[in-house]
Amino acid sequence: MRIEAVRTVPGLSGFFFDDQQAIKDGATQSGFAYDGQPVTEGFDRIREAGEALIVEIELADGSVATGDCAAVQYSGAGGRDPLFRAEKYRPVVEGPVADALRGQDATQFGANATMLEEMEAERSGGDQLHTAVRYGVSQALLNAAAQARGVTPTDVLADTYDTEPATSPVPVFGQSGDERRSNAEKMLIKGVPVLPHGLFNSVEKVGEDGEGLREYLAWLSDRATALGPESYSPRFHVDVYGILGKVFGPPYDRTEVTDYFETLREAAAPYPLQVEGPMDAGNRADQIAEMAELREGLADAGVEVDIVADEWCNTFEDVQAFVDAEAADLVQIKTPDLGSIQRSAEAVLYCDGTDTRAYVGGTCNETVTSARACAHVALATDAAQVLAKPGMGFDEGFMVVTNEMRRALARREATREVPADD
């Protein structure tokens, strides 16, 4: 089945672009916006409306497969590609990308996605196409291959990487946004497997001595017991955006730090706890060294809290470096930052056989289309968990990702059924 045409339409993403450095530097939140001037290149304001670029691939039979170019909420931070503007990159997709894909066999996802990865940079400032461009176009290629072959995107990825997909939905990780109490209670009532993210992105939220995070976890543990379904056994996962590095500072294997993590474990008990992005060292090498130091310090002290890599763990090569250094118990595969979606699958699979688990993450600032594609990545690679997205309202993203996995599993089961003899 040939690819006949590639078109684009500027669209909306599920949340906003935020200047993370300005927020870390103390920008004051005013209602939903922030006061002050942006500091990251490309931002006109600290908080701006999110954008997406809808990609449509038309096949020879007239059917259309879609994907959405989208970038993370904190674009331009932590070594990521610059802020994504749909109109800026629209000519790139409709020009050189479309020229390269037109006439290609849509069933050959691996070859088409590899060609996309190897294309020269256009307006990206790097040596490849902008990660958001590769992300969206590869989603459309994945969906085109599935349509052309009459299978699910999970099947396409499983065939590409010779994997045995998950046979039940991958645990979904819900994110609360700033409504960390009301949204967490929604998650508990719905029995979300991993929760609540929490958005602890300032010293004010974490507490000058970390007491705010500890108190929150104690509250969350009490509410989980009170509100969760029968036999509910969630995993707590909080993202602190490097703020604990501001509260404590290096070295991170000293008793003061490990004792604090033990108080977090006690507050979360009886539920297991994982803490994402404990510090931001400013570059990958130092981040890996400090994460490894903390992980080893926690292990030596017998503190059972997992740490999760996020900052400076953006590309496939970054994931490899964190895993090889044993610098995290869990790495977030931040899907828009890896570029083409098959790179996310490869990153999850790289963790196989190591003591580092992988979760298919991403950002609230994606779209329904990209979230559905990521659900198939999680299933095909049997990831440790997958992020509920897009948006920060929780319910919608949880529905999108959960339902997509259930649909895919039901369809795969139906195709394996053999009709009984008459």
Protein backbone atom coordinates (compact mmCIF):
# COMPACT_ATOMS: atom_id res chain seq x y z
CA MET A 1 0.00 0.00 0.00
CA ARG A 2 1.67 3.19 -1.22
CA ILE A 3 1.83 6.52 0.60
CA GLU A 4 0.21 9.01 -1.75
CA ALA A 5 0.35 12.29 0.16
CA VAL A 6 1.32 13.96 3.44
CA ARG A 7 -0.66 16.92 4.75
CA THR A 8 -0.61 18.95 7.96
CA VAL A 9 -3.04 21.05 9.99
CA PRO A 10 -1.97 23.29 12.90
CA GLY A 11 -3.77 22.18 16.05
CA LEU A 12 -3.91 22.38 19.82
CA SER A 13 -2.16 20.28 22.42
CA GLY A 14 -3.63 19.14 25.71
CA PHE A 15 -1.97 21.68 28.01
CA PHE A 16 0.55 24.53 27.93
CA PHE A 17 4.20 25.30 27.33
CA ASP A 18 5.89 26.48 30.54
CA ASP A 19 9.29 28.10 30.99
CA GLN A 20 10.62 25.68 33.60
CA GLN A 21 13.73 27.69 34.42
CA ALA A 22 11.73 30.85 35.11
CA ILE A 23 9.44 28.87 37.44
CA LYS A 24 12.41 27.30 39.24
CA ASP A 25 13.94 30.76 39.58
CA GLY A 26 10.91 31.86 41.57
CA ALA A 27 8.34 33.21 39.10
CA THR A 28 5.15 34.01 40.98
CA GLN A 29 1.99 32.21 39.92
CA SER A 30 -0.87 34.63 39.35
CA GLY A 31 -4.10 32.68 38.90
CA PHE A 32 -3.32 30.25 36.11
CA ALA A 33 -0.55 32.39 34.62
CA TYR A 34 2.85 33.48 35.95
CA ASP A 35 4.13 36.97 36.61
CA GLY A 36 7.58 37.89 35.39
CA GLN A 37 9.69 37.56 32.27
CA PRO A 38 10.62 34.29 30.52
CA VAL A 39 14.26 33.23 30.53
CA THR A 40 14.23 30.27 28.13
CA GLU A 41 14.82 31.06 24.46
CA GLY A 42 11.67 31.09 22.32
CA PHE A 43 9.20 31.92 25.08
CA ASP A 44 7.23 35.17 24.91
CA ARG A 45 5.57 34.46 28.26
CA ILE A 46 6.35 32.06 31.11
CA ARG A 47 3.16 30.11 30.31
CA GLU A 48 1.93 29.86 26.73
CA ALA A 49 -0.82 27.91 24.99
CA GLY A 50 0.38 24.53 23.77
CA GLU A 51 0.53 23.76 20.06
CA ALA A 52 0.45 20.64 17.92
CA LEU A 53 0.83 19.93 14.23
CA ILE A 54 -1.61 17.31 12.94
CA VAL A 55 -0.07 15.03 10.31
CA GLU A 56 -2.23 13.16 7.80
CA ILE A 57 -0.82 10.42 5.58
CA GLU A 58 -3.10 9.45 2.70
CA LEU A 59 -2.76 5.91 1.39
CA ALA A 60 -3.41 4.56 -2.09
CA ASP A 61 -6.84 3.26 -1.11
CA GLY A 62 -7.91 6.73 0.04
CA SER A 63 -7.70 6.00 3.75
CA VAL A 64 -5.91 8.46 6.02
CA ALA A 65 -3.64 7.75 9.01
CA THR A 66 -2.83 10.47 11.50
CA GLY A 67 -0.19 11.48 14.00
CA ASP A 68 0.37 14.62 16.04
CA CYS A 69 3.61 16.56 16.36
CA ALA A 70 3.78 17.68 19.99
CA ALA A 71 6.41 18.71 22.50
CA VAL A 72 6.69 18.54 26.26
CA GLN A 73 5.32 21.14 28.66
CA TYR A 74 8.83 22.19 29.68
CA SER A 75 10.24 22.59 26.17
CA GLY A 76 13.72 23.98 25.77
CA ALA A 77 14.77 22.82 29.27
CA GLY A 78 17.15 20.09 30.39
CA GLY A 79 18.84 19.67 27.02
CA ARG A 80 15.63 19.37 25.01
CA ASP A 81 14.92 20.73 21.54
CA PRO A 82 13.72 24.34 21.35
CA LEU A 83 10.12 25.45 21.79
CA PHE A 84 7.90 23.88 19.10
CA ARG A 85 5.85 26.19 16.89
CA ALA A 86 3.43 24.45 14.52
CA GLU A 87 3.56 27.09 11.79
CA LYS A 88 7.36 27.11 11.80
CA TYR A 89 7.60 23.38 11.17
CA ARG A 90 4.60 22.94 8.91
CA PRO A 91 6.66 23.61 5.75
CA VAL A 92 9.21 21.04 6.93
CA VAL A 93 6.63 18.25 7.09
CA GLU A 94 4.83 19.25 3.89
CA GLY A 95 8.14 19.79 2.08
CA PRO A 96 11.18 17.53 2.56
CA VAL A 97 9.43 15.01 4.81
CA ALA A 98 6.50 14.57 2.42
CA ASP A 99 8.89 14.32 -0.54
CA ALA A 100 10.80 11.50 1.16
CA LEU A 101 7.69 9.52 2.14
CA ARG A 102 5.61 9.85 -1.00
CA GLY A 103 5.57 6.54 -2.89
CA GLN A 104 6.92 4.47 0.02
CA ASP A 105 5.28 1.20 1.05
CA ALA A 106 3.16 2.05 4.09
CA THR A 107 3.41 -1.49 5.49
CA GLN A 108 7.16 -1.04 6.04
CA PHE A 109 7.01 0.89 9.31
CA GLY A 110 10.56 0.14 10.42
CA ALA A 111 12.16 1.26 7.17
CA ASN A 112 10.01 4.40 6.88
CA ALA A 113 10.61 5.42 10.51
CA THR A 114 14.37 4.86 10.16
CA MET A 115 14.43 7.05 7.05
CA LEU A 116 12.64 9.76 9.02
CA GLU A 117 15.19 9.53 11.85
CA GLU A 118 18.07 9.89 9.40
CA MET A 119 16.77 12.96 7.57
CA GLU A 120 18.81 16.14 7.80
CA ALA A 121 17.74 18.83 10.24
CA GLU A 122 15.34 21.50 9.02
CA ARG A 123 14.90 24.60 11.22
CA SER A 124 15.70 22.52 14.31
CA GLY A 125 19.10 23.87 15.27
CA GLY A 126 20.51 20.36 15.64
CA ASP A 127 21.57 17.47 13.45
CA GLN A 128 18.11 15.88 13.10
CA LEU A 129 14.57 16.99 12.49
CA HIS A 130 12.95 18.53 15.57
CA THR A 131 11.89 15.82 18.01
CA ALA A 132 8.24 16.92 17.73
CA VAL A 133 8.31 16.51 13.96
CA ARG A 134 9.77 13.01 14.16
CA TYR A 135 7.32 12.14 16.94
CA GLY A 136 4.20 13.14 15.02
CA VAL A 137 5.17 11.84 11.59
CA SER A 138 6.25 8.47 13.04
CA GLN A 139 2.88 8.10 14.78
CA ALA A 140 1.20 8.58 11.41
CA LEU A 141 3.57 6.02 9.87
CA LEU A 142 2.77 3.52 12.64
CA ASN A 143 -0.96 3.98 12.19
CA ALA A 144 -0.59 3.79 8.39
CA ALA A 145 1.23 0.47 8.68
CA ALA A 146 -1.46 -0.89 11.00
CA GLN A 147 -4.24 0.19 8.65
CA ALA A 148 -2.52 -1.18 5.58
CA ARG A 149 -1.88 -4.54 7.26
CA GLY A 150 -5.23 -4.80 9.04
CA VAL A 151 -3.67 -5.18 12.51
CA THR A 152 -3.18 -3.06 15.62
CA PRO A 153 -0.22 -0.71 16.09
CA THR A 154 0.80 -3.03 18.94
CA ASP A 155 1.16 -5.84 16.39
CA VAL A 156 3.25 -3.64 14.07
CA LEU A 157 5.67 -2.76 16.87
CA ALA A 158 5.79 -6.32 18.18
CA ASP A 159 6.65 -7.60 14.70
CA THR A 160 9.26 -4.87 14.23
CA TYR A 161 11.07 -5.70 17.47
CA ASP A 162 10.15 -9.38 17.85
CA THR A 163 8.51 -8.85 21.24
CA GLU A 164 5.75 -10.64 23.11
CA PRO A 165 3.23 -7.92 23.98
CA ALA A 166 1.59 -7.56 27.36
CA THR A 167 -1.55 -9.66 27.76
CA SER A 168 -3.24 -7.21 30.13
CA PRO A 169 -3.22 -3.41 30.32
CA VAL A 170 0.06 -1.89 31.46
CA PRO A 171 -0.32 -0.07 34.83
CA VAL A 172 -1.41 3.51 34.17
CA PHE A 173 0.26 6.41 35.98
CA GLY A 174 -2.09 9.31 36.72
CA GLN A 175 -0.89 12.91 37.03
CA SER A 176 -2.73 15.36 39.23
CA GLY A 177 -1.35 18.73 38.27
CA ASP A 178 -1.64 21.36 40.99
CA GLU A 179 -4.98 19.88 42.07
CA ARG A 180 -2.92 17.27 43.87
CA ARG A 181 -5.55 16.45 46.50
CA SER A 182 -8.85 16.46 44.62
CA ASN A 183 -7.38 14.73 41.56
CA ALA A 184 -5.60 12.18 43.75
CA GLU A 185 -8.92 11.31 45.37
CA LYS A 186 -10.41 10.78 41.90
CA MET A 187 -7.54 8.41 41.13
CA LEU A 188 -8.02 6.48 44.35
CA ILE A 189 -11.74 6.01 43.74
CA LYS A 190 -10.99 4.74 40.22
CA GLY A 191 -8.24 2.44 41.45
CA VAL A 192 -5.42 3.96 39.41
CA PRO A 193 -2.37 1.67 39.68
CA VAL A 194 0.29 4.42 39.95
CA LEU A 195 -0.32 7.93 41.27
CA PRO A 196 -0.39 10.94 41.65
CA HIS A 197 2.69 12.73 40.15
CA GLY A 198 1.87 15.74 42.33
CA LEU A 199 3.69 18.51 40.44
CA PHE A 200 6.03 19.46 43.27
CA ASN A 201 7.93 21.98 41.16
CA SER A 202 8.89 24.62 43.73
CA VAL A 203 10.44 24.86 47.19
CA GLU A 204 7.16 26.38 48.38
CA LYS A 205 5.30 23.16 47.48
CA VAL A 206 7.96 20.74 48.74
CA GLY A 207 8.66 22.74 51.90
CA GLU A 208 11.79 24.53 53.09
CA ASP A 209 12.86 21.32 54.83
CA GLY A 210 10.86 18.94 52.63
CA GLU A 211 8.00 18.81 55.12
CA GLY A 212 5.31 19.65 52.55
CA LEU A 213 6.05 16.54 50.48
CA ARG A 214 6.18 14.34 53.58
CA GLU A 215 2.87 15.63 54.88
CA TYR A 216 1.26 15.13 51.49
CA LEU A 217 2.39 11.51 51.27
CA ALA A 218 0.98 10.80 54.74
CA TRP A 219 -2.35 12.30 53.67
CA LEU A 220 -2.27 10.29 50.41
CA SER A 221 -1.65 7.03 52.28
CA ASP A 222 -4.59 7.66 54.59
CA ARG A 223 -6.90 8.51 51.67
CA ALA A 224 -5.78 5.47 49.66
CA THR A 225 -6.79 3.21 52.50
CA ALA A 226 -10.11 5.03 52.92
CA LEU A 227 -11.13 5.46 49.27
CA GLY A 228 -9.45 2.71 47.27
CA PRO A 229 -11.32 -0.34 45.97
CA GLU A 230 -11.09 -3.64 47.80
CA SER A 231 -7.60 -5.21 47.56
CA TYR A 232 -6.28 -1.94 46.08
CA SER A 233 -2.48 -1.85 46.08
CA PRO A 234 -1.25 1.29 44.32
CA ARG A 235 2.28 2.55 43.87
CA PHE A 236 2.96 6.18 44.81
CA HIS A 237 5.01 8.20 42.34
CA VAL A 238 5.82 11.87 42.94
CA ASP A 239 7.77 14.22 40.69
CA VAL A 240 9.82 16.87 42.49
CA TYR A 241 11.47 18.51 39.44
CA GLY A 242 14.91 18.65 41.03
CA ILE A 243 13.66 20.65 44.02
CA LEU A 244 15.12 18.26 46.62
CA GLY A 245 18.51 19.27 45.25
CA LYS A 246 17.71 22.83 46.27
CA VAL A 247 16.46 21.76 49.70
CA PHE A 248 19.47 19.56 50.55
CA GLY A 249 22.23 19.94 47.98
CA PRO A 250 25.01 17.43 47.31
CA PRO A 251 26.40 15.05 48.40
CA TYR A 252 23.26 12.93 48.30
CA ASP A 253 24.50 9.84 50.08
CA ARG A 254 24.88 11.54 53.45
CA THR A 255 22.73 10.58 56.42
CA GLU A 256 20.65 13.77 56.34
CA VAL A 257 19.39 12.93 52.86
CA THR A 258 18.83 9.21 53.34
CA ASP A 259 17.06 9.87 56.63
CA TYR A 260 14.72 12.28 54.85
CA PHE A 261 13.90 9.68 52.20
CA GLU A 262 13.18 7.21 55.00
CA THR A 263 10.63 9.66 56.43
CA LEU A 264 9.01 9.81 52.98
CA ARG A 265 8.84 6.01 52.89
CA GLU A 266 7.27 5.94 56.34
CA ALA A 267 4.73 8.58 55.34
CA ALA A 268 3.74 6.64 52.20
CA ALA A 269 3.55 3.25 53.96
CA PRO A 270 2.16 0.71 53.43
CA TYR A 271 2.35 1.73 49.78
CA PRO A 272 5.63 1.65 47.80
CA LEU A 273 7.12 4.98 46.78
CA GLN A 274 9.14 6.24 43.83
CA VAL A 275 10.48 9.80 43.56
CA GLU A 276 11.11 11.33 40.15
CA GLY A 277 13.79 13.91 39.41
CA PRO A 278 15.18 14.42 42.92
CA MET A 279 17.77 16.92 41.71
CA ASP A 280 18.79 18.78 38.56
CA ALA A 281 22.57 18.87 38.25
CA GLY A 282 22.56 20.99 35.08
CA ASN A 283 24.04 18.44 32.68
CA ARG A 284 23.80 14.72 31.95
CA ALA A 285 27.13 13.60 33.37
CA ASP A 286 26.64 15.30 36.72
CA GLN A 287 23.00 14.24 36.85
CA ILE A 288 23.97 10.59 36.39
CA ALA A 289 26.69 10.88 39.03
CA GLU A 290 24.36 12.49 41.59
CA MET A 291 21.49 10.10 40.89
CA ALA A 292 23.83 7.11 41.25
CA GLU A 293 25.19 8.57 44.49
CA LEU A 294 21.68 8.92 45.89
CA ARG A 295 20.62 5.47 44.75
CA GLU A 296 23.66 3.85 46.31
CA GLY A 297 23.20 5.86 49.51
CA LEU A 298 19.59 4.74 49.82
CA ALA A 299 20.56 1.12 49.20
CA ASP A 300 23.36 1.24 51.79
CA ALA A 301 20.98 2.77 54.33
CA GLY A 302 18.28 0.20 53.58
CA VAL A 303 15.79 2.87 52.50
CA GLU A 304 13.25 1.31 50.13
CA VAL A 305 12.41 4.28 47.95
CA ASP A 306 12.93 4.06 44.19
CA ILE A 307 14.31 7.03 42.27
CA VAL A 308 13.23 7.91 38.75
CA ALA A 309 15.32 9.59 36.04
CA ASP A 310 13.72 12.50 34.18
CA GLU A 311 15.93 15.60 33.92
CA TRP A 312 18.72 15.10 31.34
CA CYS A 313 17.26 11.71 30.37
CA ASN A 314 15.70 12.78 27.09
CA THR A 315 17.11 10.89 24.11
CA PHE A 316 17.67 7.20 23.49
CA GLU A 317 21.37 7.75 24.14
CA ASP A 318 20.52 9.45 27.45
CA VAL A 319 18.43 6.45 28.51
CA GLN A 320 21.32 4.14 27.67
CA ALA A 321 23.70 6.24 29.76
CA PHE A 322 21.44 6.26 32.83
CA VAL A 323 20.77 2.53 32.58
CA ASP A 324 24.42 1.63 32.02
CA ALA A 325 25.44 3.69 35.06
CA GLU A 326 22.69 2.09 37.20
CA ALA A 327 21.68 5.63 38.14
CA ALA A 328 17.95 5.00 38.55
CA ASP A 329 15.46 2.34 39.53
CA LEU A 330 13.09 3.59 36.84
CA VAL A 331 13.67 5.75 33.76
CA GLN A 332 10.98 7.83 32.20
CA ILE A 333 10.85 7.33 28.45
CA LYS A 334 9.76 10.89 27.69
CA THR A 335 8.22 10.02 24.37
CA PRO A 336 8.20 13.42 22.59
CA ASP A 337 11.85 13.95 23.50
CA LEU A 338 13.01 10.72 21.87
CA GLY A 339 11.77 11.78 18.45
CA SER A 340 10.32 8.97 16.33
CA ILE A 341 8.02 6.76 18.34
CA GLN A 342 9.96 3.58 17.60
CA ARG A 343 12.83 5.10 19.60
CA SER A 344 10.59 5.00 22.67
CA ALA A 345 10.01 1.29 22.09
CA GLU A 346 13.75 0.75 21.69
CA ALA A 347 14.44 2.65 24.92
CA VAL A 348 12.01 0.49 26.90
CA LEU A 349 13.53 -2.67 25.45
CA TYR A 350 17.04 -1.46 26.34
CA CYS A 351 16.05 -1.82 30.00
CA ASP A 352 15.25 -5.51 29.59
CA GLY A 353 17.69 -7.66 31.50
CA THR A 354 18.84 -4.78 33.73
CA ASP A 355 17.70 -3.75 37.21
CA THR A 356 16.21 -0.55 35.77
CA ARG A 357 12.54 -0.50 34.84
CA ALA A 358 11.12 1.69 32.10
CA TYR A 359 7.91 3.61 31.92
CA VAL A 360 6.37 5.10 28.81
CA GLY A 361 5.93 8.68 29.93
CA GLY A 362 5.61 11.89 27.99
CA THR A 363 3.77 15.05 28.88
CA CYS A 364 0.39 16.53 29.67
CA ASN A 365 1.00 18.75 26.64
CA GLU A 366 0.33 16.01 24.07
CA THR A 367 -2.82 15.01 22.20
CA VAL A 368 -5.28 12.12 22.13
CA THR A 369 -3.63 10.80 18.97
CA SER A 370 -0.12 10.71 20.46
CA ALA A 371 -1.41 9.26 23.74
CA ARG A 372 -3.10 6.40 21.90
CA ALA A 373 0.08 5.66 19.96
CA CYS A 374 2.07 5.54 23.21
CA ALA A 375 -0.40 3.07 24.68
CA HIS A 376 0.61 0.68 21.89
CA VAL A 377 4.30 1.23 22.64
CA ALA A 378 3.64 0.28 26.27
CA LEU A 379 1.74 -2.86 25.29
CA ALA A 380 4.22 -3.98 22.65
CA THR A 381 7.18 -3.63 25.03
CA ASP A 382 5.36 -4.66 28.23
CA ALA A 383 6.59 -1.51 30.00
CA ALA A 384 6.49 -1.05 33.78
CA GLN A 385 3.89 1.72 33.53
CA VAL A 386 2.43 4.21 31.08
CA LEU A 387 1.42 7.82 31.62
CA ALA A 388 -2.21 8.94 31.51
CA LYS A 389 -2.26 11.82 29.04
CA PRO A 390 -2.97 14.36 27.65
CA GLY A 391 -4.08 17.21 29.89
CA MET A 392 -3.94 17.84 33.62
CA GLY A 393 -7.55 16.99 34.43
CA PHE A 394 -6.57 13.32 34.96
CA ASP A 395 -9.92 11.70 34.08
CA GLU A 396 -9.67 12.30 30.35
CA GLY A 397 -6.11 11.05 29.94
CA PHE A 398 -6.76 8.01 32.10
CA MET A 399 -9.77 7.17 29.94
CA VAL A 400 -7.88 7.66 26.66
CA VAL A 401 -4.88 5.47 27.53
CA THR A 402 -6.83 2.77 29.41
CA ASN A 403 -9.47 2.39 26.72
CA GLU A 404 -6.90 2.25 23.92
CA MET A 405 -5.06 -0.60 25.63
CA ARG A 406 -8.28 -2.49 26.29
CA ARG A 407 -9.39 -2.07 22.67
CA ALA A 408 -6.06 -3.29 21.37
CA LEU A 409 -6.02 -6.32 23.67
CA ALA A 410 -9.60 -7.22 22.78
CA ARG A 411 -8.86 -6.97 19.07
CA ARG A 412 -5.70 -9.06 19.36
CA GLU A 413 -7.61 -11.69 21.34
CA ALA A 414 -10.39 -11.76 18.75
CA THR A 415 -7.96 -12.30 15.89
CA ARG A 416 -6.39 -15.27 17.73
CA GLU A 417 -9.71 -17.01 18.23
CA VAL A 418 -10.32 -19.93 15.89
CA PRO A 419 -13.96 -20.54 14.93
CA ALA A 420 -15.33 -23.83 16.26
CA ASP A 421 -16.11 -26.61 13.75
CA ASP A 422 -19.77 -27.05 12.84
